[in-house]
C-alpha atoms as a PDB file:
ATOM      1  CA  MET A   1       0.000   0.000   0.000  1.00  0.00           C
ATOM      2  CA  GLN A   2       2.817   2.374   0.830  1.00  0.00           C
ATOM      3  CA  THR A   3       4.317   1.764  -2.613  1.00  0.00           C
ATOM      4  CA  PHE A   4       1.050   2.725  -4.318  1.00  0.00           C
ATOM      5  CA  LEU A   5       0.758   5.799  -2.123  1.00  0.00           C
ATOM      6  CA  SER A   6       4.316   6.864  -2.913  1.00  0.00           C
ATOM      7  CA  TYR A   7       3.257   6.994  -6.581  1.00  0.00           C
ATOM      8  CA  GLY A   8       0.093   8.912  -5.678  1.00  0.00           C
ATOM      9  CA  ASP A   9      -2.143   5.989  -6.648  1.00  0.00           C
ATOM     10  CA  GLY A  10      -4.867   6.396  -4.047  1.00  0.00           C
ATOM     11  CA  GLU A  11      -7.348   4.133  -5.828  1.00  0.00           C
ATOM     12  CA  SER A  12      -5.148   1.036  -5.576  1.00  0.00           C
ATOM     13  CA  ALA A  13      -4.260   1.891  -1.999  1.00  0.00           C
ATOM     14  CA  VAL A  14      -7.950   2.067  -1.061  1.00  0.00           C
ATOM     15  CA  LYS A  15      -8.461  -1.479  -2.364  1.00  0.00           C
ATOM     16  CA  ILE A  16      -5.577  -2.671  -0.216  1.00  0.00           C
ATOM     17  CA  THR A  17      -6.998  -0.781   2.776  1.00  0.00           C
ATOM     18  CA  PHE A  18     -10.212  -2.812   2.608  1.00  0.00           C
ATOM     19  CA  GLN A  19      -8.212  -6.041   2.393  1.00  0.00           C
ATOM     20  CA  ASN A  20      -6.061  -4.979   5.350  1.00  0.00           C
ATOM     21  CA  GLU A  21      -9.112  -4.221   7.482  1.00  0.00           C
ATOM     22  CA  ARG A  22     -10.309  -7.793   7.029  1.00  0.00           C
ATOM     23  CA  ILE A  23      -6.864  -9.155   7.893  1.00  0.00           C
ATOM     24  CA  LEU A  24      -6.629  -6.930  10.971  1.00  0.00           C
ATOM     25  CA  ASP A  25     -10.040  -8.155  12.143  1.00  0.00           C
ATOM     26  CA  LEU A  26      -8.829 -11.744  11.856  1.00  0.00           C
ATOM     27  CA  LEU A  27      -5.601 -10.947  13.704  1.00  0.00           C
ATOM     28  CA  GLU A  28      -7.373  -9.117  16.512  1.00  0.00           C
ATOM     29  CA  HIS A  29      -9.322 -12.282  17.347  1.00  0.00           C
ATOM     30  CA  PRO A  30      -6.672 -14.994  17.181  1.00  0.00           C
ATOM     31  CA  LYS A  31      -7.304 -18.580  18.107  1.00  0.00           C
ATOM     32  CA  ALA A  32      -3.819 -18.883  19.565  1.00  0.00           C
ATOM     33  CA  LYS A  33      -3.467 -21.560  22.206  1.00  0.00           C
ATOM     34  CA  LYS A  34      -0.228 -20.328  23.732  1.00  0.00           C
ATOM     35  CA  ASP A  35       0.505 -16.988  25.329  1.00  0.00           C
ATOM     36  CA  SER A  36       3.719 -16.603  23.320  1.00  0.00           C
ATOM     37  CA  GLU A  37       1.823 -17.069  20.062  1.00  0.00           C
ATOM     38  CA  TYR A  38      -0.754 -14.569  21.239  1.00  0.00           C
ATOM     39  CA  ASP A  39       1.986 -12.050  22.117  1.00  0.00           C
ATOM     40  CA  GLU A  40       3.562 -12.432  18.680  1.00  0.00           C
ATOM     41  CA  LEU A  41       0.197 -11.962  16.994  1.00  0.00           C
ATOM     42  CA  ASN A  42      -0.565  -8.970  19.199  1.00  0.00           C
ATOM     43  CA  THR A  43       2.743  -7.357  18.202  1.00  0.00           C
ATOM     44  CA  LEU A  44       1.971  -8.050  14.560  1.00  0.00           C
ATOM     45  CA  VAL A  45      -1.493  -6.519  14.928  1.00  0.00           C
ATOM     46  CA  LEU A  46      -0.058  -3.385  16.524  1.00  0.00           C
ATOM     47  CA  ASP A  47       2.481  -3.055  13.708  1.00  0.00           C
ATOM     48  CA  CYS A  48      -0.251  -3.522  11.098  1.00  0.00           C
ATOM     49  CA  ILE A  49      -2.462  -0.940  12.782  1.00  0.00           C
ATOM     50  CA  SER A  50       0.426   1.532  12.844  1.00  0.00           C
ATOM     51  CA  ILE A  51       1.120   1.033   9.139  1.00  0.00           C
ATOM     52  CA  GLN A  52      -2.592   1.269   8.356  1.00  0.00           C
ATOM     53  CA  GLU A  53      -2.902   4.580  10.230  1.00  0.00           C
ATOM     54  CA  LYS A  54       0.122   5.958   8.390  1.00  0.00           C
ATOM     55  CA  CYS A  55      -1.337   4.912   5.048  1.00  0.00           C
ATOM     56  CA  ASP A  56      -4.745   6.338   5.962  1.00  0.00           C
ATOM     57  CA  SER A  57      -3.195   9.739   6.613  1.00  0.00           C
ATOM     58  CA  MET A  58      -1.361   9.510   3.290  1.00  0.00           C
ATOM     59  CA  LEU A  59      -4.648   8.656   1.564  1.00  0.00           C
ATOM     60  CA  VAL A  60      -6.240  11.753   3.058  1.00  0.00           C
ATOM     61  CA  ALA A  61      -3.361  13.881   1.763  1.00  0.00           C
ATOM     62  CA  ILE A  62      -3.658  12.360  -1.721  1.00  0.00           C
ATOM     63  CA  SER A  63      -7.413  12.863  -1.672  1.00  0.00           C
ATOM     64  CA  LEU A  64      -6.966  16.533  -0.804  1.00  0.00           C
ATOM     65  CA  GLU A  65      -4.469  16.883  -3.647  1.00  0.00           C
ATOM     66  CA  TYR A  66      -6.974  15.307  -6.065  1.00  0.00           C
ATOM     67  CA  LYS A  67      -9.601  17.795  -4.895  1.00  0.00           C
ATOM     68  CA  LYS A  68      -7.214  20.715  -5.426  1.00  0.00           C
ATOM     69  CA  GLU A  69      -6.416  19.530  -8.948  1.00  0.00           C
ATOM     70  CA  LEU A  70     -10.103  19.083  -9.729  1.00  0.00           C
ATOM     71  CA  ASN A  71     -10.948  22.550  -8.417  1.00  0.00           C
ATOM     72  CA  THR A  72      -8.112  24.097 -10.419  1.00  0.00           C
ATOM     73  CA  HIS A  73      -9.300  22.345 -13.575  1.00  0.00           C
ATOM     74  CA  MET A  74     -12.908  23.417 -12.999  1.00  0.00           C
ATOM     75  CA  ILE A  75     -11.882  27.050 -12.429  1.00  0.00           C
ATOM     76  CA  LYS A  76      -9.791  27.077 -15.614  1.00  0.00           C
ATOM     77  CA  ARG A  77     -12.671  25.552 -17.538  1.00  0.00           C
ATOM     78  CA  GLN A  78     -15.156  28.102 -16.197  1.00  0.00           C
ATOM     79  CA  LEU A  79     -12.766  30.958 -16.928  1.00  0.00           C
ATOM     80  CA  LYS A  80     -12.205  29.721 -20.472  1.00  0.00           C
ATOM     81  CA  SER A  81     -15.968  29.409 -21.003  1.00  0.00           C
ATOM     82  CA  HIS A  82     -16.555  32.872 -19.575  1.00  0.00           C
ATOM     83  CA  LEU A  83     -13.850  34.433 -21.771  1.00  0.00           C
ATOM     84  CA  GLN A  84     -15.230  32.724 -24.886  1.00  0.00           C
ATOM     85  CA  LYS A  85     -18.706  34.115 -24.191  1.00  0.00           C
ATOM     86  CA  ASN A  86     -17.366  37.653 -23.815  1.00  0.00           C
ATOM     87  CA  THR A  87     -15.405  37.648 -27.073  1.00  0.00           C
END
């Protein structure tokens, strides 16, 4: 997911986010029989949650950038249309 986000590909990262949520749900409710296995899984879950939160914040930043680009494009389009009407 971080690789996709580093390229600014928010759409692919969102797909991975949904997959990760399912994996995290499974990891949060392990059927581990030993405490050591449970501790290892708990550490893994905490690491996954940390990475997921980092990626979520990156997704928000990419989303805001998409919105800025869209707004800029719409303003240019409206300006061009307005200038064409006045000429």
